[in-house]
Amino acid sequence: MPTNKGVNLKYLVEPRGDDYFGILNDDSDSYVGYVALRGARYHVRNDESEEIAVVNSLGEAIPALAAHYEANPPRWERES
């Protein structure tokens, strides 16, 4: 299970169509990334739709996304 600064985070992969999946943070019930199968490889995108990794299996998508967020923590954005 991926960890972030001592806190266990739970991620789930949900099918969202043919060859397209959402990566859901189980605790916040929000999507934190997406995976699309293109050819024989899985393209992993963050929640801003930026491609962050290309992996060989769906099982490698969550560790790739967790590593990306660990190296590049999301920043809070002011809305008003």
PDB file of N, CA and C in Angstrom:
ATOM      1  N   MET A   1       0.850  -1.177   0.000  1.00  0.00           N
ATOM      2  CA  MET A   1       0.000   0.000   0.000  1.00  0.00           C
ATOM      3  C   MET A   1       0.894   1.239   0.000  1.00  0.00           C
ATOM      4  N   PRO A   2       0.668   2.201  -0.901  1.00  0.00           N
ATOM      5  CA  PRO A   2       1.497   3.397  -0.954  1.00  0.00           C
ATOM      6  C   PRO A   2       1.371   4.217   0.319  1.00  0.00           C
ATOM      7  N   THR A   3       2.453   4.811   0.708  1.00  0.00           N
ATOM      8  CA  THR A   3       2.427   5.678   1.874  1.00  0.00           C
ATOM      9  C   THR A   3       2.890   7.073   1.492  1.00  0.00           C
ATOM     10  N   ASN A   4       2.472   8.050   2.259  1.00  0.00           N
ATOM     11  CA  ASN A   4       2.872   9.433   2.036  1.00  0.00           C
ATOM     12  C   ASN A   4       3.097  10.067   3.393  1.00  0.00           C
ATOM     13  N   LYS A   5       4.369  10.275   3.746  1.00  0.00           N
ATOM     14  CA  LYS A   5       4.740  10.918   4.999  1.00  0.00           C
ATOM     15  C   LYS A   5       4.123  10.218   6.212  1.00  0.00           C
ATOM     16  N   GLY A   6       4.193   8.895   6.222  1.00  0.00           N
ATOM     17  CA  GLY A   6       3.729   8.143   7.369  1.00  0.00           C
ATOM     18  C   GLY A   6       2.238   7.861   7.397  1.00  0.00           C
ATOM     19  N   VAL A   7       1.501   8.314   6.392  1.00  0.00           N
ATOM     20  CA  VAL A   7       0.057   8.095   6.353  1.00  0.00           C
ATOM     21  C   VAL A   7      -0.230   7.077   5.255  1.00  0.00           C
ATOM     22  N   ASN A   8      -0.993   6.042   5.567  1.00  0.00           N
ATOM     23  CA  ASN A   8      -1.364   5.051   4.559  1.00  0.00           C
ATOM     24  C   ASN A   8      -2.477   5.603   3.686  1.00  0.00           C
ATOM     25  N   LEU A   9      -2.254   5.546   2.391  1.00  0.00           N
ATOM     26  CA  LEU A   9      -3.263   5.988   1.435  1.00  0.00           C
ATOM     27  C   LEU A   9      -3.776   4.773   0.690  1.00  0.00           C
ATOM     28  N   LYS A  10      -5.078   4.712   0.482  1.00  0.00           N
ATOM     29  CA  LYS A  10      -5.679   3.594  -0.227  1.00  0.00           C
ATOM     30  C   LYS A  10      -6.155   4.082  -1.586  1.00  0.00           C
ATOM     31  N   TYR A  11      -5.708   3.398  -2.622  1.00  0.00           N
ATOM     32  CA  TYR A  11      -6.119   3.730  -3.977  1.00  0.00           C
ATOM     33  C   TYR A  11      -6.886   2.555  -4.575  1.00  0.00           C
ATOM     34  N   LEU A  12      -7.880   2.858  -5.348  1.00  0.00           N
ATOM     35  CA  LEU A  12      -8.660   1.855  -6.060  1.00  0.00           C
ATOM     36  C   LEU A  12      -8.647   2.194  -7.541  1.00  0.00           C
ATOM     37  N   VAL A  13      -8.658   1.171  -8.378  1.00  0.00           N
ATOM     38  CA  VAL A  13      -8.750   1.374  -9.822  1.00  0.00           C
ATOM     39  C   VAL A  13     -10.179   1.042 -10.230  1.00  0.00           C
ATOM     40  N   GLU A  14     -10.840   2.004 -10.865  1.00  0.00           N
ATOM     41  CA  GLU A  14     -12.226   1.813 -11.315  1.00  0.00           C
ATOM     42  C   GLU A  14     -12.297   1.891 -12.831  1.00  0.00           C
ATOM     43  N   PRO A  15     -12.895   0.901 -13.471  1.00  0.00           N
ATOM     44  CA  PRO A  15     -13.106   0.993 -14.923  1.00  0.00           C
ATOM     45  C   PRO A  15     -14.038   2.166 -15.236  1.00  0.00           C
ATOM     46  N   ARG A  16     -13.678   2.931 -16.244  1.00  0.00           N
ATOM     47  CA  ARG A  16     -14.503   4.068 -16.669  1.00  0.00           C
ATOM     48  C   ARG A  16     -14.818   3.987 -18.152  1.00  0.00           C
ATOM     49  N   GLY A  17     -14.655   2.829 -18.718  1.00  0.00           N
ATOM     50  CA  GLY A  17     -14.904   2.610 -20.136  1.00  0.00           C
ATOM     51  C   GLY A  17     -13.925   1.572 -20.643  1.00  0.00           C
ATOM     52  N   ASP A  18     -13.993   1.305 -21.927  1.00  0.00           N
ATOM     53  CA  ASP A  18     -13.063   0.350 -22.527  1.00  0.00           C
ATOM     54  C   ASP A  18     -11.656   0.929 -22.483  1.00  0.00           C
ATOM     55  N   ASP A  19     -10.745   0.205 -21.863  1.00  0.00           N
ATOM     56  CA  ASP A  19      -9.328   0.574 -21.807  1.00  0.00           C
ATOM     57  C   ASP A  19      -9.059   1.910 -21.116  1.00  0.00           C
ATOM     58  N   TYR A  20      -9.948   2.341 -20.219  1.00  0.00           N
ATOM     59  CA  TYR A  20      -9.768   3.604 -19.494  1.00  0.00           C
ATOM     60  C   TYR A  20     -10.188   3.392 -18.047  1.00  0.00           C
ATOM     61  N   PHE A  21      -9.365   3.858 -17.114  1.00  0.00           N
ATOM     62  CA  PHE A  21      -9.591   3.614 -15.694  1.00  0.00           C
ATOM     63  C   PHE A  21      -9.347   4.891 -14.895  1.00  0.00           C
ATOM     64  N   GLY A  22     -10.079   5.032 -13.812  1.00  0.00           N
ATOM     65  CA  GLY A  22      -9.832   6.105 -12.872  1.00  0.00           C
ATOM     66  C   GLY A  22      -9.138   5.540 -11.651  1.00  0.00           C
ATOM     67  N   ILE A  23      -8.195   6.307 -11.092  1.00  0.00           N
ATOM     68  CA  ILE A  23      -7.547   5.914  -9.841  1.00  0.00           C
ATOM     69  C   ILE A  23      -8.167   6.768  -8.758  1.00  0.00           C
ATOM     70  N   LEU A  24      -8.841   6.107  -7.847  1.00  0.00           N
ATOM     71  CA  LEU A  24      -9.635   6.766  -6.814  1.00  0.00           C
ATOM     72  C   LEU A  24      -8.926   6.688  -5.476  1.00  0.00           C
ATOM     73  N   ASN A  25      -8.856   7.803  -4.767  1.00  0.00           N
ATOM     74  CA  ASN A  25      -8.389   7.797  -3.385  1.00  0.00           C
ATOM     75  C   ASN A  25      -9.587   7.378  -2.557  1.00  0.00           C
ATOM     76  N   ASP A  26      -9.486   6.219  -1.919  1.00  0.00           N
ATOM     77  CA  ASP A  26     -10.622   5.648  -1.196  1.00  0.00           C
ATOM     78  C   ASP A  26     -11.057   6.517  -0.019  1.00  0.00           C
ATOM     79  N   ASP A  27     -10.106   7.179   0.644  1.00  0.00           N
ATOM     80  CA  ASP A  27     -10.451   7.990   1.814  1.00  0.00           C
ATOM     81  C   ASP A  27     -11.208   9.261   1.442  1.00  0.00           C
ATOM     82  N   SER A  28     -10.794   9.910   0.353  1.00  0.00           N
ATOM     83  CA  SER A  28     -11.446  11.170  -0.030  1.00  0.00           C
ATOM     84  C   SER A  28     -12.545  10.963  -1.062  1.00  0.00           C
ATOM     85  N   ASP A  29     -12.652   9.736  -1.602  1.00  0.00           N
ATOM     86  CA  ASP A  29     -13.641   9.412  -2.626  1.00  0.00           C
ATOM     87  C   ASP A  29     -13.531  10.363  -3.822  1.00  0.00           C
ATOM     88  N   SER A  30     -12.280  10.662  -4.227  1.00  0.00           N
ATOM     89  CA  SER A  30     -12.064  11.524  -5.391  1.00  0.00           C
ATOM     90  C   SER A  30     -10.988  10.916  -6.274  1.00  0.00           C
ATOM     91  N   TYR A  31     -11.076  11.217  -7.558  1.00  0.00           N
ATOM     92  CA  TYR A  31     -10.093  10.705  -8.499  1.00  0.00           C
ATOM     93  C   TYR A  31      -8.804  11.498  -8.381  1.00  0.00           C
ATOM     94  N   VAL A  32      -7.696  10.775  -8.311  1.00  0.00           N
ATOM     95  CA  VAL A  32      -6.380  11.409  -8.214  1.00  0.00           C
ATOM     96  C   VAL A  32      -5.545  11.136  -9.458  1.00  0.00           C
ATOM     97  N   GLY A  33      -6.059  10.314 -10.361  1.00  0.00           N
ATOM     98  CA  GLY A  33      -5.353  10.024 -11.595  1.00  0.00           C
ATOM     99  C   GLY A  33      -6.180   9.137 -12.505  1.00  0.00           C
ATOM    100  N   TYR A  34      -5.633   8.918 -13.688  1.00  0.00           N
ATOM    101  CA  TYR A  34      -6.328   8.135 -14.705  1.00  0.00           C
ATOM    102  C   TYR A  34      -5.318   7.287 -15.461  1.00  0.00           C
ATOM    103  N   VAL A  35      -5.783   6.181 -16.025  1.00  0.00           N
ATOM    104  CA  VAL A  35      -4.931   5.275 -16.786  1.00  0.00           C
ATOM    105  C   VAL A  35      -5.653   4.915 -18.068  1.00  0.00           C
ATOM    106  N   ALA A  36      -4.928   4.982 -19.188  1.00  0.00           N
ATOM    107  CA  ALA A  36      -5.486   4.589 -20.475  1.00  0.00           C
ATOM    108  C   ALA A  36      -4.572   3.558 -21.118  1.00  0.00           C
ATOM    109  N   LEU A  37      -5.161   2.482 -21.611  1.00  0.00           N
ATOM    110  CA  LEU A  37      -4.398   1.456 -22.325  1.00  0.00           C
ATOM    111  C   LEU A  37      -4.287   1.888 -23.775  1.00  0.00           C
ATOM    112  N   ARG A  38      -3.047   2.021 -24.235  1.00  0.00           N
ATOM    113  CA  ARG A  38      -2.782   2.374 -25.639  1.00  0.00           C
ATOM    114  C   ARG A  38      -1.795   1.355 -26.172  1.00  0.00           C
ATOM    115  N   GLY A  39      -2.263   0.522 -27.069  1.00  0.00           N
ATOM    116  CA  GLY A  39      -1.415  -0.562 -27.548  1.00  0.00           C
ATOM    117  C   GLY A  39      -1.199  -1.550 -26.418  1.00  0.00           C
ATOM    118  N   ALA A  40       0.056  -1.801 -26.084  1.00  0.00           N
ATOM    119  CA  ALA A  40       0.377  -2.748 -25.018  1.00  0.00           C
ATOM    120  C   ALA A  40       0.826  -2.046 -23.739  1.00  0.00           C
ATOM    121  N   ARG A  41       0.752  -0.718 -23.693  1.00  0.00           N
ATOM    122  CA  ARG A  41       1.247   0.025 -22.536  1.00  0.00           C
ATOM    123  C   ARG A  41       0.140   0.867 -21.918  1.00  0.00           C
ATOM    124  N   TYR A  42       0.289   1.127 -20.624  1.00  0.00           N
ATOM    125  CA  TYR A  42      -0.675   1.921 -19.870  1.00  0.00           C
ATOM    126  C   TYR A  42      -0.089   3.312 -19.620  1.00  0.00           C
ATOM    127  N   HIS A  43      -0.824   4.331 -20.012  1.00  0.00           N
ATOM    128  CA  HIS A  43      -0.395   5.718 -19.843  1.00  0.00           C
ATOM    129  C   HIS A  43      -1.094   6.283 -18.615  1.00  0.00           C
ATOM    130  N   VAL A  44      -0.296   6.745 -17.658  1.00  0.00           N
ATOM    131  CA  VAL A  44      -0.805   7.234 -16.376  1.00  0.00           C
ATOM    132  C   VAL A  44      -0.810   8.753 -16.399  1.00  0.00           C
ATOM    133  N   ARG A  45      -1.948   9.336 -16.011  1.00  0.00           N
ATOM    134  CA  ARG A  45      -2.088  10.796 -15.951  1.00  0.00           C
ATOM    135  C   ARG A  45      -2.490  11.201 -14.539  1.00  0.00           C
ATOM    136  N   ASN A  46      -2.055  12.383 -14.142  1.00  0.00           N
ATOM    137  CA  ASN A  46      -2.457  12.895 -12.835  1.00  0.00           C
ATOM    138  C   ASN A  46      -3.851  13.505 -12.932  1.00  0.00           C
ATOM    139  N   ASP A  47      -4.316  14.125 -11.875  1.00  0.00           N
ATOM    140  CA  ASP A  47      -5.671  14.679 -11.864  1.00  0.00           C
ATOM    141  C   ASP A  47      -5.811  15.917 -12.743  1.00  0.00           C
ATOM    142  N   GLU A  48      -4.694  16.466 -13.217  1.00  0.00           N
ATOM    143  CA  GLU A  48      -4.726  17.609 -14.132  1.00  0.00           C
ATOM    144  C   GLU A  48      -4.519  17.165 -15.578  1.00  0.00           C
ATOM    145  N   SER A  49      -4.601  15.863 -15.812  1.00  0.00           N
ATOM    146  CA  SER A  49      -4.499  15.245 -17.127  1.00  0.00           C
ATOM    147  C   SER A  49      -3.107  15.341 -17.749  1.00  0.00           C
ATOM    148  N   GLU A  50      -2.081  15.519 -16.925  1.00  0.00           N
ATOM    149  CA  GLU A  50      -0.707  15.519 -17.408  1.00  0.00           C
ATOM    150  C   GLU A  50      -0.176  14.097 -17.369  1.00  0.00           C
ATOM    151  N   GLU A  51       0.411  13.637 -18.475  1.00  0.00           N
ATOM    152  CA  GLU A  51       0.966  12.293 -18.481  1.00  0.00           C
ATOM    153  C   GLU A  51       2.204  12.264 -17.598  1.00  0.00           C
ATOM    154  N   ILE A  52       2.214  11.327 -16.647  1.00  0.00           N
ATOM    155  CA  ILE A  52       3.321  11.265 -15.699  1.00  0.00           C
ATOM    156  C   ILE A  52       4.129   9.979 -15.806  1.00  0.00           C
ATOM    157  N   ALA A  53       3.567   8.957 -16.452  1.00  0.00           N
ATOM    158  CA  ALA A  53       4.294   7.687 -16.566  1.00  0.00           C
ATOM    159  C   ALA A  53       3.664   6.823 -17.646  1.00  0.00           C
ATOM    160  N   VAL A  54       4.469   5.929 -18.176  1.00  0.00           N
ATOM    161  CA  VAL A  54       3.994   4.875 -19.068  1.00  0.00           C
ATOM    162  C   VAL A  54       4.494   3.574 -18.462  1.00  0.00           C
ATOM    163  N   VAL A  55       3.571   2.656 -18.181  1.00  0.00           N
ATOM    164  CA  VAL A  55       3.917   1.411 -17.491  1.00  0.00           C
ATOM    165  C   VAL A  55       3.440   0.214 -18.307  1.00  0.00           C
ATOM    166  N   ASN A  56       3.925  -0.951 -17.921  1.00  0.00           N
ATOM    167  CA  ASN A  56       3.627  -2.177 -18.668  1.00  0.00           C
ATOM    168  C   ASN A  56       2.367  -2.895 -18.230  1.00  0.00           C
ATOM    169  N   SER A  57       1.859  -2.571 -17.019  1.00  0.00           N
ATOM    170  CA  SER A  57       0.665  -3.262 -16.538  1.00  0.00           C
ATOM    171  C   SER A  57      -0.184  -2.308 -15.709  1.00  0.00           C
ATOM    172  N   LEU A  58      -1.429  -2.646 -15.570  1.00  0.00           N
ATOM    173  CA  LEU A  58      -2.334  -1.840 -14.754  1.00  0.00           C
ATOM    174  C   LEU A  58      -1.879  -1.840 -13.299  1.00  0.00           C
ATOM    175  N   GLY A  59      -1.303  -2.944 -12.842  1.00  0.00           N
ATOM    176  CA  GLY A  59      -0.806  -3.046 -11.475  1.00  0.00           C
ATOM    177  C   GLY A  59       0.343  -2.088 -11.173  1.00  0.00           C
ATOM    178  N   GLU A  60       1.048  -1.626 -12.191  1.00  0.00           N
ATOM    179  CA  GLU A  60       2.150  -0.685 -12.004  1.00  0.00           C
ATOM    180  C   GLU A  60       1.669   0.770 -11.975  1.00  0.00           C
ATOM    181  N   ALA A  61       0.416   1.010 -12.319  1.00  0.00           N
ATOM    182  CA  ALA A  61      -0.098   2.383 -12.417  1.00  0.00           C
ATOM    183  C   ALA A  61      -0.171   3.076 -11.059  1.00  0.00           C
ATOM    184  N   ILE A  62      -0.687   2.398 -10.046  1.00  0.00           N
ATOM    185  CA  ILE A  62      -0.823   3.027  -8.719  1.00  0.00           C
ATOM    186  C   ILE A  62       0.545   3.349  -8.117  1.00  0.00           C
ATOM    187  N   PRO A  63       1.519   2.428  -8.131  1.00  0.00           N
ATOM    188  CA  PRO A  63       2.834   2.804  -7.606  1.00  0.00           C
ATOM    189  C   PRO A  63       3.466   3.967  -8.379  1.00  0.00           C
ATOM    190  N   ALA A  64       3.258   4.025  -9.688  1.00  0.00           N
ATOM    191  CA  ALA A  64       3.808   5.135 -10.481  1.00  0.00           C
ATOM    192  C   ALA A  64       3.148   6.449 -10.084  1.00  0.00           C
ATOM    193  N   LEU A  65       1.833   6.436  -9.899  1.00  0.00           N
ATOM    194  CA  LEU A  65       1.117   7.651  -9.501  1.00  0.00           C
ATOM    195  C   LEU A  65       1.522   8.074  -8.091  1.00  0.00           C
ATOM    196  N   ALA A  66       1.624   7.110  -7.173  1.00  0.00           N
ATOM    197  CA  ALA A  66       2.016   7.425  -5.795  1.00  0.00           C
ATOM    198  C   ALA A  66       3.430   8.004  -5.755  1.00  0.00           C
ATOM    199  N   ALA A  67       4.344   7.448  -6.550  1.00  0.00           N
ATOM    200  CA  ALA A  67       5.718   7.966  -6.596  1.00  0.00           C
ATOM    201  C   ALA A  67       5.734   9.387  -7.154  1.00  0.00           C
ATOM    202  N   HIS A  68       4.901   9.637  -8.152  1.00  0.00           N
ATOM    203  CA  HIS A  68       4.826  10.991  -8.720  1.00  0.00           C
ATOM    204  C   HIS A  68       4.348  11.992  -7.675  1.00  0.00           C
ATOM    205  N   TYR A  69       3.284  11.661  -6.952  1.00  0.00           N
ATOM    206  CA  TYR A  69       2.756  12.581  -5.943  1.00  0.00           C
ATOM    207  C   TYR A  69       3.700  12.729  -4.751  1.00  0.00           C
ATOM    208  N   GLU A  70       4.468  11.688  -4.456  1.00  0.00           N
ATOM    209  CA  GLU A  70       5.434  11.802  -3.376  1.00  0.00           C
ATOM    210  C   GLU A  70       6.559  12.765  -3.763  1.00  0.00           C
ATOM    211  N   ALA A  71       6.989  12.689  -5.023  1.00  0.00           N
ATOM    212  CA  ALA A  71       8.049  13.577  -5.514  1.00  0.00           C
ATOM    213  C   ALA A  71       7.525  14.972  -5.850  1.00  0.00           C
ATOM    214  N   ASN A  72       6.237  15.067  -6.187  1.00  0.00           N
ATOM    215  CA  ASN A  72       5.617  16.334  -6.598  1.00  0.00           C
ATOM    216  C   ASN A  72       4.289  16.506  -5.871  1.00  0.00           C
ATOM    217  N   PRO A  73       4.328  16.854  -4.589  1.00  0.00           N
ATOM    218  CA  PRO A  73       3.067  16.961  -3.833  1.00  0.00           C
ATOM    219  C   PRO A  73       2.139  18.008  -4.455  1.00  0.00           C
ATOM    220  N   PRO A  74       0.843  17.708  -4.514  1.00  0.00           N
ATOM    221  CA  PRO A  74      -0.103  18.688  -5.045  1.00  0.00           C
ATOM    222  C   PRO A  74      -0.069  19.960  -4.194  1.00  0.00           C
ATOM    223  N   ARG A  75      -0.215  21.090  -4.841  1.00  0.00           N
ATOM    224  CA  ARG A  75      -0.237  22.374  -4.145  1.00  0.00           C
ATOM    225  C   ARG A  75      -1.676  22.833  -4.007  1.00  0.00           C
ATOM    226  N   TRP A  76      -1.950  23.464  -2.877  1.00  0.00           N
ATOM    227  CA  TRP A  76      -3.275  24.035  -2.674  1.00  0.00           C
ATOM    228  C   TRP A  76      -3.411  25.259  -3.564  1.00  0.00           C
ATOM    229  N   GLU A  77      -4.540  25.397  -4.228  1.00  0.00           N
ATOM    230  CA  GLU A  77      -4.793  26.563  -5.066  1.00  0.00           C
ATOM    231  C   GLU A  77      -5.888  27.395  -4.454  1.00  0.00           C
ATOM    232  N   ARG A  78      -5.682  28.675  -4.449  1.00  0.00           N
ATOM    233  CA  ARG A  78      -6.682  29.593  -3.920  1.00  0.00           C
ATOM    234  C   ARG A  78      -7.743  29.836  -4.985  1.00  0.00           C
ATOM    235  N   GLU A  79      -9.010  29.699  -4.608  1.00  0.00           N
ATOM    236  CA  GLU A  79     -10.104  29.898  -5.560  1.00  0.00           C
ATOM    237  C   GLU A  79     -10.681  31.297  -5.490  1.00  0.00           C
ATOM    238  N   SER A  80     -10.511  31.982  -4.387  1.00  0.00           N
ATOM    239  CA  SER A  80     -11.038  33.343  -4.304  1.00  0.00           C
ATOM    240  C   SER A  80     -10.174  34.187  -3.394  1.00  0.00           C
TER     241      SER A  80
END
